[in-house]
Every structure is written in C-alpha cells, then in structure tokens.
C-alpha atoms as a PDB file:
ATOM      1  CA  MET A   1      41.301   7.012  30.204  1.00  0.00           C
ATOM      2  CA  LYS A   2      40.310   4.104  28.004  1.00  0.00           C
ATOM      3  CA  MET A   3      36.576   3.596  27.687  1.00  0.00           C
ATOM      4  CA  LYS A   4      35.249   0.096  28.297  1.00  0.00           C
ATOM      5  CA  LYS A   5      33.197  -1.539  25.601  1.00  0.00           C
ATOM      6  CA  PRO A   6      29.539  -2.102  26.466  1.00  0.00           C
ATOM      7  CA  LEU A   7      28.750  -5.592  27.707  1.00  0.00           C
ATOM      8  CA  HIS A   8      25.939  -6.009  25.184  1.00  0.00           C
ATOM      9  CA  THR A   9      24.226  -4.148  22.384  1.00  0.00           C
ATOM     10  CA  GLY A  10      21.107  -6.288  22.050  1.00  0.00           C
ATOM     11  CA  VAL A  11      18.696  -8.533  23.928  1.00  0.00           C
ATOM     12  CA  ILE A  12      21.241 -11.358  24.212  1.00  0.00           C
ATOM     13  CA  ARG A  13      24.371 -10.300  26.063  1.00  0.00           C
ATOM     14  CA  GLU A  14      27.834 -11.492  25.091  1.00  0.00           C
ATOM     15  CA  TYR A  15      28.407 -13.627  28.162  1.00  0.00           C
ATOM     16  CA  ASP A  16      24.950 -15.229  27.720  1.00  0.00           C
ATOM     17  CA  LEU A  17      26.274 -16.974  24.602  1.00  0.00           C
ATOM     18  CA  HIS A  18      28.494 -19.131  26.822  1.00  0.00           C
ATOM     19  CA  SER A  19      25.377 -21.012  27.841  1.00  0.00           C
ATOM     20  CA  PRO A  20      24.641 -23.947  25.457  1.00  0.00           C
ATOM     21  CA  SER A  21      20.874 -23.399  25.687  1.00  0.00           C
ATOM     22  CA  VAL A  22      21.156 -19.674  24.837  1.00  0.00           C
ATOM     23  CA  LYS A  23      23.568 -20.412  22.014  1.00  0.00           C
ATOM     24  CA  ALA A  24      21.194 -23.037  20.588  1.00  0.00           C
ATOM     25  CA  GLY A  25      18.231 -20.666  20.837  1.00  0.00           C
ATOM     26  CA  TYR A  26      20.233 -17.874  19.217  1.00  0.00           C
ATOM     27  CA  GLY A  27      21.199 -20.187  16.349  1.00  0.00           C
ATOM     28  CA  PHE A  28      17.569 -21.276  15.916  1.00  0.00           C
ATOM     29  CA  ILE A  29      16.426 -17.630  15.712  1.00  0.00           C
ATOM     30  CA  ILE A  30      19.060 -16.898  13.052  1.00  0.00           C
ATOM     31  CA  PHE A  31      17.926 -19.990  11.126  1.00  0.00           C
ATOM     32  CA  LEU A  32      14.295 -18.826  11.211  1.00  0.00           C
ATOM     33  CA  CYS A  33      15.289 -15.329  10.051  1.00  0.00           C
ATOM     34  CA  CYS A  34      17.269 -16.771   7.134  1.00  0.00           C
ATOM     35  CA  LEU A  35      14.346 -19.030   6.249  1.00  0.00           C
ATOM     36  CA  VAL A  36      11.883 -16.129   6.223  1.00  0.00           C
ATOM     37  CA  VAL A  37      14.238 -14.040   4.061  1.00  0.00           C
ATOM     38  CA  LEU A  38      14.668 -16.962   1.658  1.00  0.00           C
ATOM     39  CA  LEU A  39      10.905 -17.497   1.358  1.00  0.00           C
ATOM     40  CA  ALA A  40      10.399 -13.784   0.703  1.00  0.00           C
ATOM     41  CA  VAL A  41      13.234 -13.332  -1.810  1.00  0.00           C
ATOM     42  CA  PHE A  42      13.053 -16.646  -3.703  1.00  0.00           C
ATOM     43  CA  PRO A  43       9.887 -15.857  -5.770  1.00  0.00           C
ATOM     44  CA  LEU A  44      11.366 -12.516  -6.827  1.00  0.00           C
ATOM     45  CA  VAL A  45      14.675 -14.088  -7.851  1.00  0.00           C
ATOM     46  CA  TRP A  46      12.907 -16.932  -9.650  1.00  0.00           C
ATOM     47  CA  VAL A  47      10.764 -14.543 -11.726  1.00  0.00           C
ATOM     48  CA  ILE A  48      13.800 -12.453 -12.724  1.00  0.00           C
ATOM     49  CA  LEU A  49      15.881 -15.504 -13.708  1.00  0.00           C
ATOM     50  CA  ALA A  50      12.940 -17.062 -15.556  1.00  0.00           C
ATOM     51  CA  GLY A  51      12.741 -13.919 -17.683  1.00  0.00           C
ATOM     52  CA  PHE A  52      16.110 -14.740 -19.268  1.00  0.00           C
ATOM     53  CA  LYS A  53      14.830 -18.083 -20.578  1.00  0.00           C
ATOM     54  CA  ASN A  54      13.202 -18.572 -23.947  1.00  0.00           C
ATOM     55  CA  LEU A  55       9.947 -20.524 -24.218  1.00  0.00           C
ATOM     56  CA  LYS A  56      11.600 -23.893 -24.862  1.00  0.00           C
ATOM     57  CA  GLU A  57      13.990 -23.534 -21.950  1.00  0.00           C
ATOM     58  CA  PHE A  58      11.243 -22.152 -19.703  1.00  0.00           C
ATOM     59  CA  VAL A  59       9.031 -25.200 -20.305  1.00  0.00           C
ATOM     60  CA  SER A  60      11.641 -27.949 -20.330  1.00  0.00           C
ATOM     61  CA  SER A  61      14.374 -26.720 -17.981  1.00  0.00           C
ATOM     62  CA  THR A  62      14.405 -28.007 -14.394  1.00  0.00           C
ATOM     63  CA  THR A  63      17.062 -25.593 -13.131  1.00  0.00           C
ATOM     64  CA  ILE A  64      16.585 -22.094 -11.798  1.00  0.00           C
ATOM     65  CA  ILE A  65      19.687 -20.642 -13.436  1.00  0.00           C
ATOM     66  CA  PRO A  66      19.164 -19.881 -17.161  1.00  0.00           C
ATOM     67  CA  GLU A  67      21.601 -21.057 -19.806  1.00  0.00           C
ATOM     68  CA  SER A  68      22.525 -17.468 -20.653  1.00  0.00           C
ATOM     69  CA  PHE A  69      21.860 -13.963 -19.326  1.00  0.00           C
ATOM     70  CA  ASN A  70      21.135 -12.425 -22.705  1.00  0.00           C
ATOM     71  CA  PRO A  71      18.971  -9.277 -22.210  1.00  0.00           C
ATOM     72  CA  GLU A  72      17.537  -9.495 -25.727  1.00  0.00           C
ATOM     73  CA  PRO A  73      14.310 -11.265 -24.570  1.00  0.00           C
ATOM     74  CA  PHE A  74      13.614  -8.378 -22.192  1.00  0.00           C
ATOM     75  CA  VAL A  75      14.077  -5.869 -25.026  1.00  0.00           C
ATOM     76  CA  THR A  76      11.697  -7.834 -27.231  1.00  0.00           C
ATOM     77  CA  THR A  77       9.046  -8.061 -24.518  1.00  0.00           C
ATOM     78  CA  TRP A  78       9.435  -4.364 -23.711  1.00  0.00           C
ATOM     79  CA  ASN A  79       8.706  -3.492 -27.344  1.00  0.00           C
ATOM     80  CA  GLN A  80       5.702  -5.848 -27.410  1.00  0.00           C
ATOM     81  CA  LEU A  81       4.345  -4.549 -24.125  1.00  0.00           C
ATOM     82  CA  GLY A  82       4.692  -0.806 -24.842  1.00  0.00           C
ATOM     83  CA  ILE A  83       4.520  -0.101 -21.130  1.00  0.00           C
ATOM     84  CA  ALA A  84       6.123   3.353 -21.008  1.00  0.00           C
ATOM     85  CA  ARG A  85       2.752   5.148 -21.161  1.00  0.00           C
ATOM     86  CA  ASN A  86       1.353   2.780 -18.523  1.00  0.00           C
ATOM     87  CA  TYR A  87       4.210   3.708 -16.181  1.00  0.00           C
ATOM     88  CA  LEU A  88       3.101   7.347 -16.432  1.00  0.00           C
ATOM     89  CA  ASN A  89      -0.538   6.441 -15.766  1.00  0.00           C
ATOM     90  CA  SER A  90       0.407   4.405 -12.709  1.00  0.00           C
ATOM     91  CA  LEU A  91       2.597   7.256 -11.471  1.00  0.00           C
ATOM     92  CA  ILE A  92      -0.322   9.691 -11.795  1.00  0.00           C
ATOM     93  CA  SER A  93      -2.541   7.251  -9.908  1.00  0.00           C
ATOM     94  CA  VAL A  94       0.058   6.766  -7.151  1.00  0.00           C
ATOM     95  CA  LEU A  95       0.787  10.475  -6.604  1.00  0.00           C
ATOM     96  CA  GLY A  96      -2.875  11.437  -6.400  1.00  0.00           C
ATOM     97  CA  SER A  97      -3.676   8.479  -4.145  1.00  0.00           C
ATOM     98  CA  VAL A  98      -0.881   9.353  -1.716  1.00  0.00           C
ATOM     99  CA  ALA A  99      -1.993  13.000  -1.573  1.00  0.00           C
ATOM    100  CA  CYS A 100      -5.621  12.058  -0.856  1.00  0.00           C
ATOM    101  CA  ALA A 101      -4.584   9.400   1.663  1.00  0.00           C
ATOM    102  CA  LEU A 102      -2.550  11.946   3.630  1.00  0.00           C
ATOM    103  CA  ILE A 103      -4.930  14.919   3.430  1.00  0.00           C
ATOM    104  CA  PHE A 104      -8.415  13.431   3.847  1.00  0.00           C
ATOM    105  CA  ASN A 105      -7.540  10.625   6.264  1.00  0.00           C
ATOM    106  CA  GLY A 106      -5.281  13.034   8.132  1.00  0.00           C
ATOM    107  CA  LEU A 107      -8.104  15.564   8.544  1.00  0.00           C
ATOM    108  CA  LEU A 108     -10.457  12.949   9.964  1.00  0.00           C
ATOM    109  CA  GLY A 109      -7.698  11.630  12.211  1.00  0.00           C
ATOM    110  CA  TYR A 110      -7.069  15.227  13.345  1.00  0.00           C
ATOM    111  CA  GLY A 111     -10.707  15.602  14.278  1.00  0.00           C
ATOM    112  CA  ILE A 112     -10.819  12.312  16.175  1.00  0.00           C
ATOM    113  CA  GLY A 113      -7.405  12.518  17.808  1.00  0.00           C
ATOM    114  CA  ILE A 114      -7.033  16.237  18.624  1.00  0.00           C
ATOM    115  CA  LEU A 115     -10.266  18.220  18.215  1.00  0.00           C
ATOM    116  CA  LYS A 116     -12.460  15.471  19.715  1.00  0.00           C
ATOM    117  CA  PRO A 117     -15.862  17.096  19.161  1.00  0.00           C
ATOM    118  CA  LYS A 118     -19.061  15.674  20.607  1.00  0.00           C
ATOM    119  CA  GLY A 119     -19.623  12.193  19.193  1.00  0.00           C
ATOM    120  CA  HIS A 120     -15.995  11.589  18.232  1.00  0.00           C
ATOM    121  CA  GLY A 121     -16.009   8.320  20.167  1.00  0.00           C
ATOM    122  CA  ALA A 122     -18.902   6.985  18.092  1.00  0.00           C
ATOM    123  CA  VAL A 123     -17.157   8.062  14.894  1.00  0.00           C
ATOM    124  CA  ARG A 124     -13.979   6.241  15.966  1.00  0.00           C
ATOM    125  CA  LYS A 125     -15.992   3.079  16.690  1.00  0.00           C
ATOM    126  CA  LEU A 126     -17.711   3.262  13.304  1.00  0.00           C
ATOM    127  CA  VAL A 127     -14.350   3.658  11.589  1.00  0.00           C
ATOM    128  CA  MET A 128     -12.965   0.652  13.455  1.00  0.00           C
ATOM    129  CA  ILE A 129     -16.066  -1.439  12.654  1.00  0.00           C
ATOM    130  CA  SER A 130     -15.581  -0.676   8.966  1.00  0.00           C
ATOM    131  CA  LEU A 131     -12.205  -2.456   9.203  1.00  0.00           C
ATOM    132  CA  LEU A 132     -14.112  -5.720   9.665  1.00  0.00           C
ATOM    133  CA  MET A 133     -15.899  -5.348   6.323  1.00  0.00           C
ATOM    134  CA  PRO A 134     -14.297  -7.015   3.270  1.00  0.00           C
ATOM    135  CA  PRO A 135     -13.161  -4.382   0.731  1.00  0.00           C
ATOM    136  CA  THR A 136     -15.008  -6.171  -2.092  1.00  0.00           C
ATOM    137  CA  ILE A 137     -18.355  -5.239  -0.501  1.00  0.00           C
ATOM    138  CA  SER A 138     -17.838  -1.591  -1.449  1.00  0.00           C
ATOM    139  CA  ILE A 139     -16.971  -2.245  -5.105  1.00  0.00           C
ATOM    140  CA  VAL A 140     -20.560  -2.259  -6.440  1.00  0.00           C
ATOM    141  CA  PRO A 141     -21.828   0.880  -4.601  1.00  0.00           C
ATOM    142  CA  LEU A 142     -18.550   2.643  -5.340  1.00  0.00           C
ATOM    143  CA  PHE A 143     -18.826   1.897  -9.055  1.00  0.00           C
ATOM    144  CA  MET A 144     -22.498   2.984  -9.105  1.00  0.00           C
ATOM    145  CA  ASN A 145     -21.628   6.290  -7.433  1.00  0.00           C
ATOM    146  CA  ILE A 146     -18.816   6.857  -9.918  1.00  0.00           C
ATOM    147  CA  GLN A 147     -21.253   6.362 -12.783  1.00  0.00           C
ATOM    148  CA  LYS A 148     -23.900   8.649 -11.241  1.00  0.00           C
ATOM    149  CA  LEU A 149     -21.346  11.393 -10.612  1.00  0.00           C
ATOM    150  CA  GLN A 150     -20.032  10.958 -14.172  1.00  0.00           C
ATOM    151  CA  MET A 151     -16.459  10.489 -13.013  1.00  0.00           C
ATOM    152  CA  GLY A 152     -15.781   7.509 -15.266  1.00  0.00           C
ATOM    153  CA  ASN A 153     -12.583   7.347 -17.317  1.00  0.00           C
ATOM    154  CA  SER A 154     -10.868   9.646 -14.821  1.00  0.00           C
ATOM    155  CA  PHE A 155      -8.142   9.214 -12.223  1.00  0.00           C
ATOM    156  CA  LEU A 156     -10.181  11.145  -9.643  1.00  0.00           C
ATOM    157  CA  PRO A 157     -12.141   8.090  -8.353  1.00  0.00           C
ATOM    158  CA  LEU A 158      -8.864   6.210  -7.890  1.00  0.00           C
ATOM    159  CA  TRP A 159      -7.472   9.067  -5.814  1.00  0.00           C
ATOM    160  CA  LEU A 160     -10.599   9.553  -3.697  1.00  0.00           C
ATOM    161  CA  SER A 161     -10.863   5.848  -2.905  1.00  0.00           C
ATOM    162  CA  PHE A 162      -7.636   6.178  -0.907  1.00  0.00           C
ATOM    163  CA  GLY A 163      -8.992   9.256   0.859  1.00  0.00           C
ATOM    164  CA  ALA A 164     -11.411   7.116   2.878  1.00  0.00           C
ATOM    165  CA  ASN A 165      -9.326   4.366   4.440  1.00  0.00           C
ATOM    166  CA  ALA A 166     -10.236   3.303   7.978  1.00  0.00           C
ATOM    167  CA  MET A 167      -6.798   1.966   8.820  1.00  0.00           C
ATOM    168  CA  TYR A 168      -5.110   5.222   7.783  1.00  0.00           C
ATOM    169  CA  VAL A 169      -7.571   7.223   9.901  1.00  0.00           C
ATOM    170  CA  ILE A 170      -6.869   5.131  13.008  1.00  0.00           C
ATOM    171  CA  LEU A 171      -3.109   5.401  12.498  1.00  0.00           C
ATOM    172  CA  PHE A 172      -3.336   9.174  12.133  1.00  0.00           C
ATOM    173  CA  ALA A 173      -5.595   9.552  15.175  1.00  0.00           C
ATOM    174  CA  GLN A 174      -3.314   7.473  17.402  1.00  0.00           C
ATOM    175  CA  PHE A 175      -0.236   9.396  16.295  1.00  0.00           C
ATOM    176  CA  PHE A 176      -1.899  12.797  16.717  1.00  0.00           C
ATOM    177  CA  GLU A 177      -2.911  11.889  20.270  1.00  0.00           C
ATOM    178  CA  SER A 178       0.790  11.483  21.123  1.00  0.00           C
ATOM    179  CA  LEU A 179       1.605  15.069  20.089  1.00  0.00           C
ATOM    180  CA  PRO A 180       1.954  17.621  22.930  1.00  0.00           C
ATOM    181  CA  SER A 181      -1.242  19.592  23.407  1.00  0.00           C
ATOM    182  CA  SER A 182       0.833  22.705  24.168  1.00  0.00           C
ATOM    183  CA  ILE A 183       1.871  22.910  20.508  1.00  0.00           C
ATOM    184  CA  ILE A 184      -1.762  22.992  19.385  1.00  0.00           C
ATOM    185  CA  GLU A 185      -2.651  25.572  22.013  1.00  0.00           C
ATOM    186  CA  ALA A 186       0.308  27.760  21.016  1.00  0.00           C
ATOM    187  CA  SER A 187      -0.793  27.735  17.377  1.00  0.00           C
ATOM    188  CA  ARG A 188      -4.273  28.851  18.375  1.00  0.00           C
ATOM    189  CA  ILE A 189      -2.839  31.663  20.497  1.00  0.00           C
ATOM    190  CA  ASP A 190      -0.862  32.777  17.434  1.00  0.00           C
ATOM    191  CA  GLY A 191      -4.126  33.098  15.514  1.00  0.00           C
ATOM    192  CA  CYS A 192      -4.115  29.904  13.419  1.00  0.00           C
ATOM    193  CA  ASN A 193      -7.465  28.411  12.560  1.00  0.00           C
ATOM    194  CA  GLN A 194      -8.000  24.656  12.524  1.00  0.00           C
ATOM    195  CA  LEU A 195      -6.929  24.133   8.910  1.00  0.00           C
ATOM    196  CA  GLN A 196      -3.810  26.258   9.378  1.00  0.00           C
ATOM    197  CA  THR A 197      -2.956  24.331  12.538  1.00  0.00           C
ATOM    198  CA  PHE A 198      -3.328  21.051  10.679  1.00  0.00           C
ATOM    199  CA  PHE A 199      -1.332  21.963   7.575  1.00  0.00           C
ATOM    200  CA  ARG A 200       1.311  24.215   9.176  1.00  0.00           C
ATOM    201  CA  ILE A 201       1.830  22.588  12.578  1.00  0.00           C
ATOM    202  CA  VAL A 202       0.423  19.080  12.896  1.00  0.00           C
ATOM    203  CA  LEU A 203       1.209  17.658   9.462  1.00  0.00           C
ATOM    204  CA  PRO A 204       4.889  18.778   9.424  1.00  0.00           C
ATOM    205  CA  LEU A 205       5.322  17.199  12.879  1.00  0.00           C
ATOM    206  CA  SER A 206       3.804  13.959  11.606  1.00  0.00           C
ATOM    207  CA  LYS A 207       6.444  13.003   9.045  1.00  0.00           C
ATOM    208  CA  PRO A 208       6.944   9.491  10.493  1.00  0.00           C
ATOM    209  CA  ILE A 209       3.289   8.469  10.225  1.00  0.00           C
ATOM    210  CA  CYS A 210       2.970  10.239   6.868  1.00  0.00           C
ATOM    211  CA  ALA A 211       5.900   8.197   5.561  1.00  0.00           C
ATOM    212  CA  VAL A 212       4.371   4.931   6.777  1.00  0.00           C
ATOM    213  CA  ILE A 213       0.959   5.682   5.277  1.00  0.00           C
ATOM    214  CA  SER A 214       2.641   6.792   2.044  1.00  0.00           C
ATOM    215  CA  ILE A 215       4.295   3.370   1.849  1.00  0.00           C
ATOM    216  CA  PHE A 216       0.940   1.643   2.227  1.00  0.00           C
ATOM    217  CA  ALA A 217      -0.729   3.961  -0.297  1.00  0.00           C
ATOM    218  CA  VAL A 218       2.029   3.613  -2.908  1.00  0.00           C
ATOM    219  CA  ASN A 219       1.991  -0.168  -2.651  1.00  0.00           C
ATOM    220  CA  ALA A 220      -1.810  -0.358  -2.802  1.00  0.00           C
ATOM    221  CA  ALA A 221      -2.183   2.149  -5.654  1.00  0.00           C
ATOM    222  CA  TRP A 222       0.584   0.607  -7.761  1.00  0.00           C
ATOM    223  CA  SER A 223      -0.726  -2.964  -7.386  1.00  0.00           C
ATOM    224  CA  ASP A 224      -4.433  -2.058  -7.676  1.00  0.00           C
ATOM    225  CA  PHE A 225      -6.073  -3.751 -10.631  1.00  0.00           C
ATOM    226  CA  LEU A 226      -9.844  -3.994 -10.197  1.00  0.00           C
ATOM    227  CA  LEU A 227     -10.809  -0.339  -9.786  1.00  0.00           C
ATOM    228  CA  PRO A 228      -8.578   0.994 -12.607  1.00  0.00           C
ATOM    229  CA  TYR A 229      -9.865  -1.820 -14.817  1.00  0.00           C
ATOM    230  CA  LEU A 230     -13.488  -0.833 -14.101  1.00  0.00           C
ATOM    231  CA  VAL A 231     -13.084   2.945 -14.212  1.00  0.00           C
ATOM    232  CA  LEU A 232     -10.425   3.748 -16.813  1.00  0.00           C
ATOM    233  CA  ARG A 233     -11.327   3.087 -20.426  1.00  0.00           C
ATOM    234  CA  GLY A 234      -9.044   3.107 -23.412  1.00  0.00           C
ATOM    235  CA  ALA A 235      -5.468   1.939 -23.843  1.00  0.00           C
ATOM    236  CA  ASP A 236      -4.109   5.444 -23.270  1.00  0.00           C
ATOM    237  CA  LYS A 237      -5.216   5.391 -19.591  1.00  0.00           C
ATOM    238  CA  GLN A 238      -4.368   1.838 -18.620  1.00  0.00           C
ATOM    239  CA  THR A 239      -2.196   1.411 -15.533  1.00  0.00           C
ATOM    240  CA  VAL A 240       0.652  -1.086 -15.422  1.00  0.00           C
ATOM    241  CA  MET A 241      -1.450  -3.815 -13.787  1.00  0.00           C
ATOM    242  CA  VAL A 242      -4.288  -3.409 -16.272  1.00  0.00           C
ATOM    243  CA  ARG A 243      -1.806  -3.504 -19.140  1.00  0.00           C
ATOM    244  CA  LEU A 244      -0.331  -6.759 -17.809  1.00  0.00           C
ATOM    245  CA  PHE A 245      -3.801  -8.302 -17.732  1.00  0.00           C
ATOM    246  CA  VAL A 246      -4.576  -7.208 -21.280  1.00  0.00           C
ATOM    247  CA  PHE A 247      -1.128  -8.409 -22.378  1.00  0.00           C
ATOM    248  CA  SER A 248      -1.773 -11.835 -20.850  1.00  0.00           C
ATOM    249  CA  THR A 249      -4.978 -12.248 -22.900  1.00  0.00           C
ATOM    250  CA  GLU A 250      -3.232 -11.730 -26.218  1.00  0.00           C
ATOM    251  CA  GLN A 251      -2.861 -14.990 -28.154  1.00  0.00           C
ATOM    252  CA  THR A 252       0.743 -14.353 -29.157  1.00  0.00           C
ATOM    253  CA  VAL A 253       1.970 -13.994 -25.556  1.00  0.00           C
ATOM    254  CA  ASN A 254       3.873 -16.937 -24.074  1.00  0.00           C
ATOM    255  CA  ALA A 255       4.639 -17.775 -20.446  1.00  0.00           C
ATOM    256  CA  ASP A 256       8.231 -16.582 -20.684  1.00  0.00           C
ATOM    257  CA  ALA A 257       7.085 -13.181 -21.965  1.00  0.00           C
ATOM    258  CA  MET A 258       4.660 -12.896 -19.043  1.00  0.00           C
ATOM    259  CA  MET A 259       7.533 -13.478 -16.613  1.00  0.00           C
ATOM    260  CA  ARG A 260       9.438 -10.600 -18.164  1.00  0.00           C
ATOM    261  CA  SER A 261       6.373  -8.339 -18.062  1.00  0.00           C
ATOM    262  CA  VAL A 262       6.011  -9.077 -14.343  1.00  0.00           C
ATOM    263  CA  VAL A 263       9.631  -8.006 -13.851  1.00  0.00           C
ATOM    264  CA  PHE A 264       8.855  -4.673 -15.538  1.00  0.00           C
ATOM    265  CA  ALA A 265       5.969  -4.168 -13.090  1.00  0.00           C
ATOM    266  CA  MET A 266       8.157  -4.943 -10.065  1.00  0.00           C
ATOM    267  CA  VAL A 267      11.118  -2.726 -10.947  1.00  0.00           C
ATOM    268  CA  PRO A 268       9.740   0.753  -9.961  1.00  0.00           C
ATOM    269  CA  PRO A 269       8.637  -0.207  -6.398  1.00  0.00           C
ATOM    270  CA  ILE A 270      11.933  -2.010  -5.806  1.00  0.00           C
ATOM    271  CA  ILE A 271      13.933   1.019  -6.975  1.00  0.00           C
ATOM    272  CA  LEU A 272      11.892   3.343  -4.742  1.00  0.00           C
ATOM    273  CA  PHE A 273      12.431   1.038  -1.782  1.00  0.00           C
ATOM    274  CA  PHE A 274      16.213   1.001  -2.177  1.00  0.00           C
ATOM    275  CA  ILE A 275      16.316   4.787  -2.655  1.00  0.00           C
ATOM    276  CA  PHE A 276      14.250   5.567   0.469  1.00  0.00           C
ATOM    277  CA  GLN A 277      15.133   2.476   2.511  1.00  0.00           C
ATOM    278  CA  LYS A 278      16.859   4.388   5.310  1.00  0.00           C
ATOM    279  CA  GLN A 279      14.111   6.991   5.677  1.00  0.00           C
ATOM    280  CA  LEU A 280      11.341   4.388   5.584  1.00  0.00           C
ATOM    281  CA  THR A 281      13.003   2.233   8.238  1.00  0.00           C
ATOM    282  CA  GLU A 282      13.678   5.155  10.569  1.00  0.00           C
ATOM    283  CA  ASN A 283      10.134   6.497  10.244  1.00  0.00           C
ATOM    284  CA  ALA A 284       8.574   3.065  10.763  1.00  0.00           C
ATOM    285  CA  VAL A 285      10.625   2.575  13.935  1.00  0.00           C
ATOM    286  CA  SER A 286       9.677   6.052  15.166  1.00  0.00           C
ATOM    287  CA  VAL A 287       5.975   5.326  14.676  1.00  0.00           C
ATOM    288  CA  GLY A 288       6.336   2.003  16.462  1.00  0.00           C
ATOM    289  CA  ILE A 289       7.996   3.641  19.470  1.00  0.00           C
ATOM    290  CA  LYS A 290       5.351   6.384  19.729  1.00  0.00           C
ATOM    291  CA  GLY A 291       2.528   3.880  19.255  1.00  0.00           C
END
C-alpha cells in the first residue's frame, strides 16, 4: 500500500499557498529572513575581504571585493601580531570559565530548583533582581577584592567571575525543575548524597542546558576584554582581545592590518560553531521545548 505524503510539514500548509494573501505573507517572511541574514553576515564578510587589501586600496577603494586574494598580507600581520601564545591564554580562560559556569551556577540552580530549602524563594528573587544591575557596577568591587585576595596576574579571577552569573543560575533552576522528582528520590534511596546526586545524576541529565550555557560562557570569555586587561599583567598572559588592543596602539599598525587581526580573533569561535553546529542547535531546541 502506497503511503500518502503529509499535507504539510510546517505552519503554512501546501494548499494555503493557493491563497494570494498567504502567498504574499509567506514571501514577505522569506524576505525578512534573508534581510536579517544579510545584516548579520555582511560585517563578517566585509572584514574578511578588507583584510586582503593593502593600505592604499583599503583607503581609496570603494568596492567590497579586493583586487586580489593574495594571502601574503595575512602572513605578514600574523608575524607582526605574534598571537599564537594569546590563543593559548584565551583557551585557558575559556575552559576554566566554562567549568566554573557549569559547576558553581549549576550547584546554586540545584539548590533553588530541586532542594528548595527554607528561604529559596527569597534567594531566587535576589538572583533575579541582580539581573537588573549593569555589569559595570561590579567592576570596581570585584577588582578591589581581587587585589585584597592577592589573585592578580592569575586566570583564577576570570574563571570565578563566570561562576556567579544570575542568568545561568535561573536557566539551571528552571531546567532542573522540569526533571522528574522520582529520579532524585531513587538516587537518595541508593545512598547518594547531594553532591553525588548532582554530579552523577542531575548534571548528566542536563546536557541540553549545559550546552546552551557553555555557548554563552565561551562567547563571553573569548570576547571579554576589560577584566583580563585589568587582572593579567605581562605580554605572556595577554588574551587575544587584550593583544588586539595593544596591537592597535602601536604606531606602525595601519587600518588594513587591524582588519586582518580582527579576522584572526574571529576564526576560532567560527570554527567551533561549524564543528558543533548540529549539537548546539539540537540542545537549544530541547531547552526551548522543556522551558
């Protein structure tokens, strides 16, 4: 027996497109989607193409496409920038920040969303109120505490700063509340304490929300400039963003070289996105459905 094809696979059904008004609306939606994609991709493409231009062409040319795609300017800028060590520093910062974001925010979210001790409602409200505060307010007290604790010139303050993020805590708490309580009760019957339940049961079941928060933490840690600039001293500990700032202040650096240095800073996140694109999309959708 031959199976019939489904009438529709999306919000707009196939026979709805016979209506002129639906067809016009569908075309308008596609136009808006293409426009949004163009606005998002155009700056990235422009920066990459501008990197192939020399200074004279960069200043005088009115076209986006360069005269040639010679990679020699990128090689020259790479040698001037000396960014290989900065890649390693940024990687150290990112890995530690992701670990702290998952563990510390996850533990607080576990307490608010699952354990729910006396006063957990007030704690949740305080966490949500802190979302209304501009992040720059905490820079001065954070820097003073780092100096008093003698943690300067170390990656530890960068990691711990991601271990106290109100948005991550709320996301964890909301996701944990959607987990079946029978799983938690079964782990306690088996003799697991609270930490064992969190690390062995709850956290492995929370891969979708962990993936989403990891995305946020990687993006924030990689693009962070102010805190690494204030905390880390010496060229041997500069992150990529700090190195770009220092590179831009050098008198011998031209605008075309800065475009190429920006490309070097963008490449690692773009590569990671394309490698884990499928997993990130699936996990983000899963979190959205559970939320």
